[in-house]
Amino acid sequence: MRRALLGLFAFAGCASAQTIEPPPQGHPLGWLTGCWVSENGKAKEVWSTPEAGHLFGYALTLDEGGVSFFEQMHVQPGPLYVLNVYPAGVGASKFVESLQDDQSVTFLNGAHDYPQLIHYERASDMLLAHIALEDGSKRRDFAYNACMD
């Protein structure tokens, strides 16, 4: 199912032998659901099971002193999904779905300073992401594996 439409935020890489549960069925972005952590354990994203078409998430960056950065995320349903990002609880910065298929989604906000593009992709048991300017410059890539219990 591919939709090109109008209009991501994540963190760093990981490798783990843990298998994860298959994504919930019924929501086009259900594959985001779960707890995701970078290889070095310093970045984490958690996405809830979809509720009434909405997805809720949060991201943390950890350092030796604890949490150095956090943000909340909310994906609103609609003809186009809208990703609302609240860095440090402030916001929302709204990013509108521009492209979606069965295992990836891209959100855009050309008026935002950085990032302007947020992309998530499910690759087997990993969650990959990147952020960039709308033209693809200043790209930063991130990779997560499922959190260990």
Protein backbone atom coordinates (compact mmCIF):
# COMPACT_ATOMS: atom_id res chain seq x y z
CA MET A 1 0.00 0.00 0.00
CA ARG A 2 1.83 3.08 -1.19
CA ARG A 3 0.52 6.60 -0.74
CA ALA A 4 2.29 9.70 -2.00
CA LEU A 5 0.86 12.66 -0.10
CA LEU A 6 1.60 16.15 1.28
CA GLY A 7 3.87 17.17 3.78
CA LEU A 8 10.46 12.03 11.80
CA PHE A 9 12.57 12.15 14.76
CA ALA A 10 14.69 9.29 16.16
CA PHE A 11 18.04 8.34 17.60
CA ALA A 12 21.09 5.94 17.15
CA GLY A 13 22.10 2.28 16.18
CA CYS A 14 21.86 -1.23 17.76
CA ALA A 15 22.42 -4.95 17.25
CA SER A 16 20.70 -7.65 19.31
CA ALA A 17 19.81 -11.29 18.90
CA GLN A 18 16.46 -10.79 20.61
CA THR A 19 13.38 -11.52 18.53
CA ILE A 20 10.42 -9.22 18.87
CA GLU A 21 6.71 -9.75 18.64
CA PRO A 22 5.16 -9.09 15.24
CA PRO A 23 3.62 -5.64 14.94
CA PRO A 24 -0.09 -5.33 15.77
CA GLN A 25 -2.46 -5.68 12.86
CA GLY A 26 -5.13 -3.18 11.95
CA HIS A 27 -3.25 0.12 11.99
CA PRO A 28 -1.10 1.13 8.99
CA LEU A 29 1.65 2.38 11.35
CA GLY A 30 1.32 -0.45 13.89
CA TRP A 31 4.80 -1.66 12.95
CA LEU A 32 6.21 1.30 14.99
CA THR A 33 4.79 -0.20 18.19
CA GLY A 34 7.30 -1.32 20.77
CA CYS A 35 10.36 -0.34 22.75
CA TRP A 36 13.45 0.44 20.67
CA VAL A 37 17.01 1.09 21.90
CA SER A 38 20.33 2.01 20.30
CA GLU A 39 23.33 -0.32 20.46
CA ASN A 40 25.08 1.84 23.04
CA GLY A 41 21.88 2.07 25.12
CA LYS A 42 22.00 5.87 25.11
CA ALA A 43 18.93 6.41 22.94
CA LYS A 44 15.48 4.89 23.33
CA GLU A 45 12.09 5.28 21.66
CA VAL A 46 8.87 3.74 22.89
CA TRP A 47 5.65 3.64 20.83
CA SER A 48 2.32 2.56 22.30
CA THR A 49 -0.15 0.16 20.76
CA PRO A 50 -2.51 2.24 18.59
CA GLU A 51 -5.59 3.57 20.41
CA ALA A 52 -8.56 4.78 18.35
CA GLY A 53 -6.22 5.45 15.43
CA HIS A 54 -3.69 7.42 17.52
CA LEU A 55 -0.11 6.42 18.31
CA PHE A 56 1.76 7.88 21.28
CA GLY A 57 5.49 7.71 21.88
CA TYR A 58 8.45 9.17 23.66
CA ALA A 59 12.18 9.33 23.05
CA LEU A 60 15.04 9.64 25.54
CA THR A 61 18.74 10.35 25.22
CA LEU A 62 20.73 9.19 28.23
CA ASP A 63 24.15 10.17 29.47
CA GLU A 64 26.13 9.44 32.62
CA GLY A 65 24.03 11.92 34.59
CA GLY A 66 20.66 10.51 33.46
CA VAL A 67 18.25 11.85 30.86
CA SER A 68 19.90 14.58 28.77
CA PHE A 69 17.03 14.98 26.28
CA PHE A 70 13.45 13.78 25.94
CA GLU A 71 10.54 14.33 23.64
CA GLN A 72 6.98 13.17 23.33
CA MET A 73 5.35 12.19 20.04
CA HIS A 74 1.75 11.81 18.93
CA VAL A 75 0.57 10.57 15.54
CA GLN A 76 -2.92 11.83 14.73
CA PRO A 77 -5.09 9.89 12.29
CA GLY A 78 -6.69 11.58 9.30
CA PRO A 79 -6.52 11.58 5.52
CA LEU A 80 -2.82 12.24 6.16
CA TYR A 81 -1.18 11.24 9.43
CA VAL A 82 0.24 14.16 11.43
CA LEU A 83 3.26 13.61 13.67
CA ASN A 84 3.24 16.08 16.57
CA VAL A 85 6.65 16.31 18.26
CA TYR A 86 7.13 17.93 21.67
CA PRO A 87 10.90 18.26 22.31
CA ALA A 88 11.53 18.70 26.05
CA GLY A 89 7.74 18.78 26.41
CA VAL A 90 7.45 21.97 24.33
CA GLY A 91 5.55 22.10 21.07
CA ALA A 92 3.96 20.84 19.11
CA SER A 93 6.00 20.84 15.95
CA LYS A 94 3.74 19.30 13.32
CA PHE A 95 5.03 17.09 10.50
CA VAL A 96 2.57 15.88 7.85
CA GLU A 97 2.77 12.47 6.20
CA SER A 98 4.26 12.74 2.71
CA LEU A 99 4.86 9.09 1.84
CA GLN A 100 3.77 5.80 3.36
CA ASP A 101 3.97 2.14 2.51
CA ASP A 102 3.43 -1.01 4.56
CA GLN A 103 6.72 -0.69 6.51
CA SER A 104 7.76 2.98 6.29
CA VAL A 105 6.48 6.51 6.67
CA THR A 106 7.93 9.95 5.96
CA PHE A 107 6.72 13.18 7.55
CA LEU A 108 7.56 16.71 6.35
CA ASN A 109 7.46 20.27 7.69
CA GLY A 110 9.40 22.55 5.34
CA ALA A 111 8.84 25.54 7.62
CA HIS A 112 10.58 23.88 10.61
CA ASP A 113 14.26 24.77 11.21
CA TYR A 114 15.61 21.21 11.73
CA PRO A 115 14.63 18.58 11.08
CA GLN A 116 12.20 19.20 8.24
CA LEU A 117 11.95 15.53 7.25
CA ILE A 118 11.41 12.60 9.63
CA HIS A 119 11.45 9.06 8.26
CA TYR A 120 10.79 5.73 10.02
CA GLU A 121 11.20 2.28 8.49
CA ARG A 122 10.77 -1.22 9.89
CA ALA A 123 13.49 -3.55 8.62
CA SER A 124 12.86 -7.05 9.99
CA ASP A 125 13.44 -6.76 13.75
CA MET A 126 14.95 -3.26 13.58
CA LEU A 127 13.50 0.23 13.51
CA LEU A 128 15.51 2.54 11.23
CA ALA A 129 15.05 6.27 11.09
CA HIS A 130 16.59 9.39 9.67
CA ILE A 131 16.10 13.10 9.97
CA ALA A 132 17.15 15.73 7.44
CA LEU A 133 16.28 18.97 5.77
CA GLU A 134 13.46 18.64 3.23
CA ASP A 135 15.98 18.37 0.34
CA GLY A 136 17.72 15.43 2.10
CA SER A 137 20.78 17.42 3.21
CA LYS A 138 22.11 17.32 6.78
CA ARG A 139 20.86 13.74 7.08
CA ARG A 140 21.36 11.82 10.33
CA ASP A 141 20.66 8.08 10.41
CA PHE A 142 19.56 6.07 13.43
CA ALA A 143 19.00 2.34 14.04
CA TYR A 144 17.25 0.63 16.93
CA ASN A 145 16.69 -2.94 18.05
CA ALA A 146 14.02 -4.15 20.42
CA CYS A 147 14.65 -3.31 24.07
CA MET A 148 15.80 -6.15 26.29
CA ASP A 149 13.38 -6.98 29.07
